[in-house]
N, C-alpha and C. Protein backbone atom coordinates (compact mmCIF):
# COMPACT_ATOMS: atom_id res chain seq x y z
N MET A 1 -15.05 -20.17 67.87
CA MET A 1 -15.01 -20.07 66.45
C MET A 1 -13.54 -20.04 66.04
N GLY A 2 -13.18 -20.80 65.06
CA GLY A 2 -11.80 -20.94 64.64
C GLY A 2 -11.53 -20.13 63.37
N PHE A 3 -10.30 -20.25 62.99
CA PHE A 3 -9.84 -19.54 61.80
C PHE A 3 -10.43 -20.21 60.57
N SER A 4 -10.95 -19.40 59.64
CA SER A 4 -11.59 -19.93 58.44
C SER A 4 -10.58 -19.94 57.29
N TRP A 5 -10.05 -21.14 57.09
CA TRP A 5 -9.10 -21.31 56.01
C TRP A 5 -9.77 -21.15 54.65
N ASP A 6 -11.00 -21.47 54.57
CA ASP A 6 -11.71 -21.35 53.29
C ASP A 6 -11.76 -19.89 52.81
N VAL A 7 -12.01 -19.01 53.75
CA VAL A 7 -12.09 -17.59 53.40
C VAL A 7 -10.73 -17.07 52.96
N LEU A 8 -9.67 -17.47 53.69
CA LEU A 8 -8.33 -17.03 53.35
C LEU A 8 -7.92 -17.55 51.96
N ILE A 9 -8.14 -18.81 51.70
CA ILE A 9 -7.78 -19.41 50.41
C ILE A 9 -8.56 -18.74 49.28
N THR A 10 -9.84 -18.52 49.48
CA THR A 10 -10.67 -17.88 48.47
C THR A 10 -10.20 -16.45 48.23
N GLY A 11 -9.89 -15.74 49.28
CA GLY A 11 -9.44 -14.35 49.16
C GLY A 11 -8.11 -14.26 48.44
N LEU A 12 -7.16 -15.14 48.85
CA LEU A 12 -5.84 -15.12 48.21
C LEU A 12 -5.94 -15.53 46.73
N SER A 13 -6.73 -16.52 46.43
CA SER A 13 -6.85 -16.95 45.04
C SER A 13 -7.47 -15.84 44.20
N THR A 14 -8.43 -15.13 44.74
CA THR A 14 -9.04 -14.02 44.02
C THR A 14 -8.01 -12.90 43.79
N LEU A 15 -7.21 -12.62 44.82
CA LEU A 15 -6.19 -11.58 44.73
C LEU A 15 -5.14 -11.94 43.67
N PHE A 16 -4.62 -13.18 43.77
CA PHE A 16 -3.59 -13.58 42.82
C PHE A 16 -4.14 -13.70 41.39
N ALA A 17 -5.36 -14.11 41.27
CA ALA A 17 -5.96 -14.18 39.94
C ALA A 17 -6.08 -12.77 39.36
N GLY A 18 -6.48 -11.82 40.15
CA GLY A 18 -6.59 -10.43 39.69
C GLY A 18 -5.24 -9.86 39.32
N LEU A 19 -4.23 -10.11 40.18
CA LEU A 19 -2.89 -9.62 39.88
C LEU A 19 -2.32 -10.29 38.63
N GLY A 20 -2.53 -11.59 38.51
CA GLY A 20 -2.05 -12.33 37.34
C GLY A 20 -2.71 -11.81 36.07
N GLY A 21 -4.00 -11.57 36.15
CA GLY A 21 -4.73 -11.05 34.99
C GLY A 21 -4.22 -9.67 34.60
N ALA A 22 -3.96 -8.85 35.61
CA ALA A 22 -3.44 -7.51 35.34
C ALA A 22 -2.05 -7.59 34.72
N TRP A 23 -1.22 -8.52 35.23
CA TRP A 23 0.13 -8.68 34.69
C TRP A 23 0.07 -9.16 33.24
N ILE A 24 -0.77 -10.16 32.98
CA ILE A 24 -0.91 -10.69 31.62
C ILE A 24 -1.43 -9.60 30.68
N ASN A 25 -2.43 -8.86 31.14
CA ASN A 25 -2.97 -7.78 30.32
C ASN A 25 -1.91 -6.72 30.05
N GLY A 26 -1.12 -6.39 31.07
CA GLY A 26 -0.05 -5.40 30.89
C GLY A 26 1.01 -5.91 29.94
N ALA A 27 1.38 -7.16 30.07
CA ALA A 27 2.41 -7.73 29.20
C ALA A 27 1.92 -7.79 27.76
N THR A 28 0.71 -8.21 27.56
CA THR A 28 0.19 -8.27 26.19
C THR A 28 -0.04 -6.86 25.65
N GLY A 29 -0.38 -5.94 26.52
CA GLY A 29 -0.55 -4.55 26.09
C GLY A 29 0.76 -3.98 25.59
N VAL A 30 1.87 -4.29 26.29
CA VAL A 30 3.18 -3.84 25.86
C VAL A 30 3.51 -4.47 24.50
N ASN A 31 3.21 -5.77 24.36
CA ASN A 31 3.46 -6.44 23.08
C ASN A 31 2.62 -5.82 21.97
N ARG A 32 1.35 -5.50 22.30
CA ARG A 32 0.49 -4.85 21.30
C ARG A 32 1.07 -3.50 20.91
N ASP A 33 1.57 -2.75 21.90
CA ASP A 33 2.17 -1.45 21.61
C ASP A 33 3.41 -1.61 20.73
N LYS A 34 4.24 -2.62 21.03
CA LYS A 34 5.43 -2.85 20.21
C LYS A 34 5.03 -3.24 18.80
N GLN A 35 4.03 -4.11 18.68
CA GLN A 35 3.56 -4.52 17.36
C GLN A 35 2.99 -3.32 16.59
N ALA A 36 2.23 -2.50 17.28
CA ALA A 36 1.65 -1.32 16.63
C ALA A 36 2.76 -0.37 16.18
N GLY A 37 3.80 -0.23 17.01
CA GLY A 37 4.93 0.62 16.64
C GLY A 37 5.66 0.09 15.43
N ARG A 38 5.91 -1.23 15.42
CA ARG A 38 6.57 -1.84 14.26
C ARG A 38 5.72 -1.71 13.01
N LEU A 39 4.42 -1.91 13.17
CA LEU A 39 3.50 -1.78 12.03
C LEU A 39 3.50 -0.34 11.52
N GLY A 40 3.51 0.62 12.44
CA GLY A 40 3.56 2.03 12.03
C GLY A 40 4.83 2.36 11.27
N VAL A 41 5.95 1.86 11.74
CA VAL A 41 7.23 2.09 11.06
C VAL A 41 7.20 1.44 9.68
N GLN A 42 6.67 0.21 9.60
CA GLN A 42 6.62 -0.48 8.31
C GLN A 42 5.68 0.24 7.34
N LEU A 43 4.54 0.70 7.85
CA LEU A 43 3.61 1.43 6.99
C LEU A 43 4.23 2.73 6.47
N GLU A 44 5.00 3.39 7.34
CA GLU A 44 5.68 4.62 6.93
C GLU A 44 6.73 4.31 5.86
N ARG A 45 7.48 3.23 6.06
CA ARG A 45 8.49 2.82 5.07
C ARG A 45 7.81 2.46 3.75
N ASP A 46 6.70 1.72 3.81
CA ASP A 46 5.97 1.37 2.59
C ASP A 46 5.49 2.62 1.85
N GLN A 47 5.05 3.62 2.60
CA GLN A 47 4.58 4.86 1.97
C GLN A 47 5.73 5.60 1.30
N ARG A 48 6.88 5.66 1.98
CA ARG A 48 8.05 6.31 1.37
C ARG A 48 8.47 5.58 0.10
N GLN A 49 8.37 4.25 0.13
CA GLN A 49 8.72 3.46 -1.05
C GLN A 49 7.75 3.76 -2.20
N ARG A 50 6.45 3.78 -1.90
CA ARG A 50 5.46 4.11 -2.94
C ARG A 50 5.68 5.51 -3.49
N ASP A 51 6.01 6.46 -2.61
CA ASP A 51 6.29 7.83 -3.06
C ASP A 51 7.52 7.87 -3.98
N ALA A 52 8.55 7.10 -3.64
CA ALA A 52 9.75 7.04 -4.48
C ALA A 52 9.41 6.45 -5.85
N TYR A 53 8.59 5.42 -5.87
CA TYR A 53 8.18 4.81 -7.14
C TYR A 53 7.37 5.81 -7.97
N ALA A 54 6.44 6.49 -7.34
CA ALA A 54 5.60 7.46 -8.07
C ALA A 54 6.44 8.61 -8.62
N THR A 55 7.40 9.08 -7.84
CA THR A 55 8.27 10.17 -8.29
C THR A 55 9.08 9.73 -9.51
N LEU A 56 9.63 8.52 -9.45
CA LEU A 56 10.42 8.04 -10.58
C LEU A 56 9.56 7.94 -11.84
N ILE A 57 8.36 7.42 -11.71
CA ILE A 57 7.48 7.29 -12.87
C ILE A 57 7.16 8.66 -13.45
N MET A 58 6.83 9.61 -12.59
CA MET A 58 6.48 10.95 -13.05
C MET A 58 7.66 11.62 -13.75
N VAL A 59 8.83 11.57 -13.14
CA VAL A 59 10.00 12.22 -13.73
C VAL A 59 10.41 11.52 -15.02
N ALA A 60 10.37 10.19 -15.03
CA ALA A 60 10.75 9.45 -16.25
C ALA A 60 9.82 9.80 -17.41
N ARG A 61 8.54 9.96 -17.12
CA ARG A 61 7.61 10.36 -18.19
C ARG A 61 7.88 11.77 -18.68
N GLN A 62 8.26 12.66 -17.77
CA GLN A 62 8.62 14.02 -18.18
C GLN A 62 9.88 14.00 -19.04
N VAL A 63 10.85 13.18 -18.66
CA VAL A 63 12.08 13.06 -19.44
C VAL A 63 11.75 12.52 -20.84
N LEU A 64 10.90 11.51 -20.91
CA LEU A 64 10.51 10.94 -22.21
C LEU A 64 9.85 12.01 -23.08
N ARG A 65 8.95 12.76 -22.49
CA ARG A 65 8.28 13.84 -23.26
C ARG A 65 9.31 14.84 -23.77
N ASN A 66 10.23 15.23 -22.91
CA ASN A 66 11.25 16.20 -23.29
C ASN A 66 12.16 15.62 -24.38
N GLN A 67 12.50 14.35 -24.27
CA GLN A 67 13.36 13.75 -25.28
C GLN A 67 12.64 13.65 -26.63
N ARG A 68 11.35 13.41 -26.59
CA ARG A 68 10.60 13.40 -27.86
C ARG A 68 10.57 14.79 -28.49
N GLN A 69 10.49 15.84 -27.66
CA GLN A 69 10.55 17.20 -28.19
C GLN A 69 11.93 17.49 -28.75
N MET A 70 12.96 16.99 -28.09
CA MET A 70 14.33 17.18 -28.59
C MET A 70 14.51 16.44 -29.91
N LEU A 71 13.91 15.28 -30.04
CA LEU A 71 14.00 14.52 -31.29
C LEU A 71 13.47 15.34 -32.46
N VAL A 72 12.35 16.00 -32.23
CA VAL A 72 11.77 16.86 -33.27
C VAL A 72 12.76 17.96 -33.65
N ALA A 73 13.40 18.55 -32.65
CA ALA A 73 14.37 19.62 -32.91
C ALA A 73 15.56 19.09 -33.70
N TYR A 74 16.04 17.90 -33.35
CA TYR A 74 17.18 17.34 -34.07
C TYR A 74 16.82 16.98 -35.51
N VAL A 75 15.63 16.47 -35.71
CA VAL A 75 15.19 16.16 -37.08
C VAL A 75 15.19 17.43 -37.91
N ALA A 76 14.83 18.55 -37.31
CA ALA A 76 14.82 19.84 -38.02
C ALA A 76 16.19 20.52 -38.00
N ASN A 77 17.22 19.83 -37.44
CA ASN A 77 18.56 20.40 -37.29
C ASN A 77 18.53 21.71 -36.50
N GLU A 78 17.70 21.76 -35.47
CA GLU A 78 17.57 22.96 -34.64
C GLU A 78 17.75 22.62 -33.16
N PRO A 79 18.92 22.13 -32.77
CA PRO A 79 19.09 21.74 -31.37
C PRO A 79 19.44 22.88 -30.43
N GLY A 80 18.73 23.97 -30.52
CA GLY A 80 18.95 25.06 -29.57
C GLY A 80 19.94 26.10 -30.04
N PHE A 81 20.63 25.88 -31.15
CA PHE A 81 21.62 26.86 -31.61
C PHE A 81 20.97 28.02 -32.35
N SER A 82 19.74 27.81 -32.80
CA SER A 82 19.11 28.81 -33.65
C SER A 82 18.57 30.00 -32.88
N GLY A 83 18.44 29.87 -31.58
CA GLY A 83 17.88 30.95 -30.79
C GLY A 83 16.37 30.84 -30.62
N ASP A 84 15.76 29.81 -31.15
CA ASP A 84 14.31 29.59 -30.97
C ASP A 84 14.06 29.34 -29.49
N PRO A 85 13.25 30.20 -28.84
CA PRO A 85 13.06 30.07 -27.38
C PRO A 85 12.40 28.76 -26.96
N ILE A 86 11.52 28.22 -27.77
CA ILE A 86 10.85 26.96 -27.42
C ILE A 86 11.86 25.82 -27.45
N VAL A 87 12.68 25.80 -28.50
CA VAL A 87 13.70 24.77 -28.61
C VAL A 87 14.73 24.94 -27.49
N ALA A 88 15.13 26.16 -27.25
CA ALA A 88 16.11 26.43 -26.19
C ALA A 88 15.57 25.99 -24.83
N ASP A 89 14.29 26.23 -24.56
CA ASP A 89 13.68 25.81 -23.30
C ASP A 89 13.69 24.29 -23.16
N THR A 90 13.43 23.60 -24.25
CA THR A 90 13.44 22.13 -24.22
C THR A 90 14.81 21.62 -23.83
N PHE A 91 15.85 22.20 -24.40
CA PHE A 91 17.21 21.75 -24.10
C PHE A 91 17.65 22.16 -22.70
N THR A 92 17.22 23.32 -22.25
CA THR A 92 17.53 23.76 -20.90
C THR A 92 16.85 22.86 -19.87
N ARG A 93 15.61 22.52 -20.15
CA ARG A 93 14.84 21.66 -19.24
C ARG A 93 15.47 20.27 -19.13
N ALA A 94 16.17 19.84 -20.17
CA ALA A 94 16.79 18.51 -20.17
C ALA A 94 17.78 18.36 -19.01
N ASN A 95 18.54 19.39 -18.71
CA ASN A 95 19.50 19.30 -17.60
C ASN A 95 18.80 19.14 -16.26
N THR A 96 17.77 19.93 -16.05
CA THR A 96 17.02 19.85 -14.79
C THR A 96 16.36 18.48 -14.65
N LEU A 97 15.75 18.03 -15.73
CA LEU A 97 15.09 16.72 -15.70
C LEU A 97 16.09 15.60 -15.47
N GLY A 98 17.27 15.73 -16.03
CA GLY A 98 18.32 14.73 -15.81
C GLY A 98 18.69 14.64 -14.34
N ASP A 99 18.83 15.79 -13.70
CA ASP A 99 19.12 15.81 -12.25
C ASP A 99 17.97 15.19 -11.46
N ASP A 100 16.73 15.57 -11.83
CA ASP A 100 15.56 15.03 -11.13
C ASP A 100 15.46 13.51 -11.29
N LEU A 101 15.77 13.02 -12.49
CA LEU A 101 15.71 11.59 -12.74
C LEU A 101 16.78 10.86 -11.92
N THR A 102 17.95 11.40 -11.87
CA THR A 102 19.02 10.77 -11.09
C THR A 102 18.62 10.68 -9.62
N ARG A 103 18.05 11.75 -9.07
CA ARG A 103 17.59 11.74 -7.68
C ARG A 103 16.51 10.69 -7.46
N ALA A 104 15.57 10.61 -8.40
CA ALA A 104 14.46 9.65 -8.27
C ALA A 104 14.98 8.22 -8.33
N VAL A 105 15.93 7.95 -9.20
CA VAL A 105 16.51 6.60 -9.28
C VAL A 105 17.25 6.27 -7.99
N VAL A 106 17.99 7.23 -7.45
CA VAL A 106 18.72 7.00 -6.19
C VAL A 106 17.73 6.67 -5.07
N GLU A 107 16.61 7.38 -5.00
CA GLU A 107 15.61 7.08 -3.97
C GLU A 107 15.10 5.65 -4.11
N VAL A 108 14.83 5.23 -5.33
CA VAL A 108 14.35 3.85 -5.54
C VAL A 108 15.46 2.86 -5.19
N GLU A 109 16.70 3.20 -5.51
CA GLU A 109 17.80 2.30 -5.16
C GLU A 109 17.95 2.17 -3.65
N LEU A 110 17.64 3.21 -2.91
CA LEU A 110 17.75 3.16 -1.45
C LEU A 110 16.53 2.54 -0.78
N LEU A 111 15.35 2.77 -1.32
CA LEU A 111 14.11 2.35 -0.65
C LEU A 111 13.40 1.18 -1.31
N GLY A 112 13.72 0.91 -2.56
CA GLY A 112 12.94 -0.05 -3.33
C GLY A 112 13.38 -1.49 -3.17
N SER A 113 12.55 -2.35 -3.69
CA SER A 113 12.85 -3.78 -3.71
C SER A 113 13.91 -4.05 -4.78
N GLU A 114 14.39 -5.26 -4.81
CA GLU A 114 15.40 -5.63 -5.81
C GLU A 114 14.87 -5.45 -7.22
N VAL A 115 13.64 -5.90 -7.46
CA VAL A 115 13.06 -5.77 -8.80
C VAL A 115 12.86 -4.29 -9.17
N ALA A 116 12.50 -3.47 -8.20
CA ALA A 116 12.34 -2.04 -8.47
C ALA A 116 13.69 -1.40 -8.80
N ARG A 117 14.72 -1.76 -8.04
CA ARG A 117 16.05 -1.20 -8.30
C ARG A 117 16.55 -1.57 -9.70
N THR A 118 16.35 -2.81 -10.08
CA THR A 118 16.78 -3.27 -11.39
C THR A 118 16.06 -2.51 -12.50
N ASN A 119 14.76 -2.34 -12.36
CA ASN A 119 13.99 -1.63 -13.38
C ASN A 119 14.27 -0.13 -13.38
N ALA A 120 14.58 0.44 -12.23
CA ALA A 120 14.93 1.87 -12.18
C ALA A 120 16.23 2.13 -12.93
N VAL A 121 17.20 1.25 -12.75
CA VAL A 121 18.46 1.39 -13.47
C VAL A 121 18.24 1.22 -14.97
N ALA A 122 17.32 0.34 -15.37
CA ALA A 122 17.00 0.16 -16.79
C ALA A 122 16.43 1.45 -17.39
N ILE A 123 15.63 2.16 -16.61
CA ILE A 123 15.10 3.45 -17.08
C ILE A 123 16.25 4.43 -17.29
N LEU A 124 17.13 4.51 -16.32
CA LEU A 124 18.27 5.43 -16.42
C LEU A 124 19.14 5.09 -17.63
N GLU A 125 19.38 3.82 -17.86
CA GLU A 125 20.19 3.41 -19.01
C GLU A 125 19.49 3.74 -20.33
N ALA A 126 18.17 3.60 -20.37
CA ALA A 126 17.42 3.94 -21.59
C ALA A 126 17.48 5.44 -21.87
N VAL A 127 17.40 6.25 -20.82
CA VAL A 127 17.52 7.71 -20.99
C VAL A 127 18.91 8.05 -21.52
N ARG A 128 19.92 7.42 -20.98
CA ARG A 128 21.29 7.69 -21.44
C ARG A 128 21.48 7.28 -22.90
N ALA A 129 20.84 6.19 -23.30
CA ALA A 129 20.96 5.72 -24.69
C ALA A 129 20.40 6.76 -25.66
N VAL A 130 19.27 7.35 -25.31
CA VAL A 130 18.70 8.41 -26.16
C VAL A 130 19.63 9.62 -26.12
N GLY A 131 20.09 9.96 -24.95
CA GLY A 131 20.99 11.10 -24.80
C GLY A 131 22.27 10.96 -25.59
N ASP A 132 22.77 9.72 -25.72
CA ASP A 132 24.00 9.50 -26.49
C ASP A 132 23.81 9.89 -27.95
N ILE A 133 22.65 9.56 -28.52
CA ILE A 133 22.38 9.93 -29.91
C ILE A 133 22.32 11.45 -30.05
N PHE A 134 21.64 12.09 -29.09
CA PHE A 134 21.53 13.55 -29.14
C PHE A 134 22.88 14.22 -28.95
N ALA A 135 23.69 13.69 -28.05
CA ALA A 135 25.00 14.28 -27.79
C ALA A 135 25.90 14.19 -29.02
N ALA A 136 25.86 13.04 -29.69
CA ALA A 136 26.67 12.89 -30.90
C ALA A 136 26.23 13.88 -31.98
N ARG A 137 24.92 14.05 -32.12
CA ARG A 137 24.43 14.99 -33.14
C ARG A 137 24.76 16.43 -32.75
N SER A 138 24.63 16.76 -31.47
CA SER A 138 24.97 18.11 -31.02
C SER A 138 26.42 18.43 -31.30
N LEU A 139 27.28 17.46 -31.05
CA LEU A 139 28.70 17.66 -31.30
C LEU A 139 28.95 17.90 -32.79
N ALA A 140 28.31 17.10 -33.64
CA ALA A 140 28.48 17.27 -35.09
C ALA A 140 27.98 18.63 -35.54
N LEU A 141 26.82 19.04 -35.05
CA LEU A 141 26.25 20.33 -35.44
C LEU A 141 27.12 21.48 -34.93
N HIS A 142 27.57 21.37 -33.70
CA HIS A 142 28.39 22.42 -33.10
C HIS A 142 29.73 22.54 -33.84
N THR A 143 30.33 21.41 -34.17
CA THR A 143 31.59 21.41 -34.90
C THR A 143 31.40 22.02 -36.29
N ALA A 144 30.31 21.66 -36.95
CA ALA A 144 30.03 22.23 -38.28
C ALA A 144 29.83 23.73 -38.20
N GLU A 145 29.13 24.16 -37.16
CA GLU A 145 28.88 25.60 -37.01
C GLU A 145 30.17 26.37 -36.74
N LYS A 146 31.05 25.81 -35.92
CA LYS A 146 32.31 26.48 -35.58
C LYS A 146 33.28 26.51 -36.75
N SER A 147 33.22 25.49 -37.59
CA SER A 147 34.17 25.42 -38.70
C SER A 147 33.60 26.01 -39.99
N ASP A 148 32.47 26.66 -39.89
CA ASP A 148 31.79 27.24 -41.05
C ASP A 148 31.43 26.19 -42.09
N LYS A 149 31.37 24.95 -41.66
CA LYS A 149 30.94 23.88 -42.56
C LYS A 149 29.41 23.89 -42.61
N SER A 150 28.86 23.67 -43.73
CA SER A 150 27.42 23.71 -43.87
C SER A 150 26.76 22.54 -43.14
N ILE A 151 25.74 22.87 -42.38
CA ILE A 151 24.97 21.84 -41.69
C ILE A 151 24.32 20.92 -42.71
N ALA A 152 24.01 21.46 -43.88
CA ALA A 152 23.37 20.66 -44.92
C ALA A 152 24.28 19.53 -45.40
N ARG A 153 25.58 19.67 -45.22
CA ARG A 153 26.52 18.64 -45.66
C ARG A 153 26.69 17.53 -44.65
N LEU A 154 26.12 17.70 -43.48
CA LEU A 154 26.18 16.63 -42.48
C LEU A 154 25.25 15.48 -42.88
N PRO A 155 25.59 14.27 -42.49
CA PRO A 155 24.65 13.17 -42.74
C PRO A 155 23.35 13.44 -41.98
N PRO A 156 22.24 12.95 -42.47
CA PRO A 156 20.98 13.22 -41.79
C PRO A 156 20.96 12.61 -40.38
N PHE A 157 20.21 13.26 -39.54
CA PHE A 157 20.03 12.77 -38.17
C PHE A 157 19.35 11.41 -38.23
N ASP A 158 19.80 10.48 -37.39
CA ASP A 158 19.24 9.12 -37.37
C ASP A 158 17.95 9.10 -36.54
N GLU A 159 16.91 9.59 -37.18
CA GLU A 159 15.62 9.69 -36.51
C GLU A 159 15.09 8.33 -36.08
N SER A 160 15.26 7.32 -36.90
CA SER A 160 14.71 6.00 -36.56
C SER A 160 15.40 5.41 -35.33
N ALA A 161 16.71 5.60 -35.20
CA ALA A 161 17.42 5.10 -34.01
C ALA A 161 16.98 5.85 -32.76
N ALA A 162 16.84 7.17 -32.89
CA ALA A 162 16.40 7.96 -31.74
C ALA A 162 14.97 7.60 -31.34
N THR A 163 14.11 7.40 -32.33
CA THR A 163 12.72 7.01 -32.05
C THR A 163 12.68 5.64 -31.36
N ALA A 164 13.50 4.71 -31.86
CA ALA A 164 13.55 3.37 -31.25
C ALA A 164 14.02 3.45 -29.80
N ARG A 165 15.00 4.30 -29.53
CA ARG A 165 15.48 4.43 -28.15
C ARG A 165 14.45 5.11 -27.26
N CYS A 166 13.70 6.05 -27.80
CA CYS A 166 12.59 6.64 -27.03
C CYS A 166 11.54 5.58 -26.71
N GLN A 167 11.28 4.70 -27.68
CA GLN A 167 10.32 3.62 -27.44
C GLN A 167 10.85 2.64 -26.38
N THR A 168 12.15 2.41 -26.39
CA THR A 168 12.76 1.56 -25.35
C THR A 168 12.59 2.20 -23.98
N LEU A 169 12.78 3.50 -23.91
CA LEU A 169 12.56 4.21 -22.65
C LEU A 169 11.11 4.08 -22.20
N ASP A 170 10.19 4.28 -23.13
CA ASP A 170 8.77 4.14 -22.81
C ASP A 170 8.48 2.73 -22.28
N ALA A 171 9.04 1.72 -22.93
CA ALA A 171 8.84 0.33 -22.50
C ALA A 171 9.48 0.10 -21.12
N SER A 172 10.62 0.72 -20.85
CA SER A 172 11.28 0.58 -19.54
C SER A 172 10.42 1.18 -18.43
N ILE A 173 9.78 2.29 -18.72
CA ILE A 173 8.88 2.89 -17.73
C ILE A 173 7.71 1.95 -17.47
N GLY A 174 7.13 1.40 -18.54
CA GLY A 174 6.03 0.44 -18.38
C GLY A 174 6.45 -0.79 -17.61
N ALA A 175 7.66 -1.29 -17.87
CA ALA A 175 8.16 -2.47 -17.15
C ALA A 175 8.34 -2.16 -15.66
N PHE A 176 8.81 -0.95 -15.35
CA PHE A 176 8.95 -0.55 -13.95
C PHE A 176 7.59 -0.55 -13.27
N ILE A 177 6.62 0.04 -13.93
CA ILE A 177 5.26 0.11 -13.35
C ILE A 177 4.73 -1.30 -13.11
N ASP A 178 4.86 -2.17 -14.10
CA ASP A 178 4.38 -3.55 -13.95
C ASP A 178 5.11 -4.28 -12.82
N ALA A 179 6.39 -4.00 -12.66
CA ALA A 179 7.19 -4.69 -11.64
C ALA A 179 6.82 -4.25 -10.23
N VAL A 180 6.51 -2.97 -10.05
CA VAL A 180 6.26 -2.47 -8.69
C VAL A 180 4.79 -2.44 -8.32
N ARG A 181 3.91 -2.62 -9.29
CA ARG A 181 2.47 -2.57 -9.00
C ARG A 181 2.06 -3.52 -7.87
N PRO A 182 2.52 -4.79 -7.86
CA PRO A 182 2.12 -5.67 -6.75
C PRO A 182 2.59 -5.15 -5.39
N GLU A 183 3.76 -4.51 -5.35
CA GLU A 183 4.27 -3.98 -4.09
C GLU A 183 3.44 -2.82 -3.59
N THR A 184 2.93 -2.01 -4.51
CA THR A 184 2.22 -0.81 -4.10
C THR A 184 0.81 -1.12 -3.60
N HIS A 185 0.32 -2.31 -3.91
CA HIS A 185 -1.02 -2.69 -3.44
C HIS A 185 -0.98 -3.55 -2.20
N ALA A 186 0.18 -4.09 -1.87
CA ALA A 186 0.30 -4.95 -0.69
C ALA A 186 0.52 -4.09 0.55
N VAL A 187 -0.09 -4.48 1.62
CA VAL A 187 0.10 -3.80 2.90
C VAL A 187 0.97 -4.71 3.76
N SER A 188 2.10 -4.19 4.21
CA SER A 188 3.00 -4.99 5.03
C SER A 188 2.48 -5.08 6.44
N VAL A 189 2.61 -6.25 7.00
CA VAL A 189 2.28 -6.47 8.41
C VAL A 189 3.52 -7.03 9.05
N GLY A 190 4.02 -6.29 10.11
CA GLY A 190 5.26 -6.63 10.77
C GLY A 190 5.27 -8.00 11.24
């Protein structure tokens, strides 16, 4: 009886096929793990981006509400100097909200898309535009109070300009939402 080459060839081919299959499976498994890792990182980044967008929207709406309350106080010539605790709280809250808004815009500038960054800056500029009207009126009222000049002799507060700027802020918030909505519904795949 001689050596059976058929058995050897069959055995070796089975062995190499098994090893090759294991190698291919291992290689694709590593690739799957890398893809899953990249997908996990991208999903985490997408979530941080959505959180930054949501924070900016929430803070911007709080700022708008506060500015509308300040508008009422300025129309009544009561920008916190009178000692009214509700008015004083509104003006005190403005500083905190300003800091919160700046932080929220910075987060969007760091994490957001180009369109989100552009719209976030538009919100910040709209807030500043309203603030400029309030700052000018505060200065006039404060100067009148210090110089014993009657507040009644000051020109009336420009309520229509302040209202228009509040409406611009409201529209800027809406534009931001419209701009980022498609991003917040899309799921990134690495």
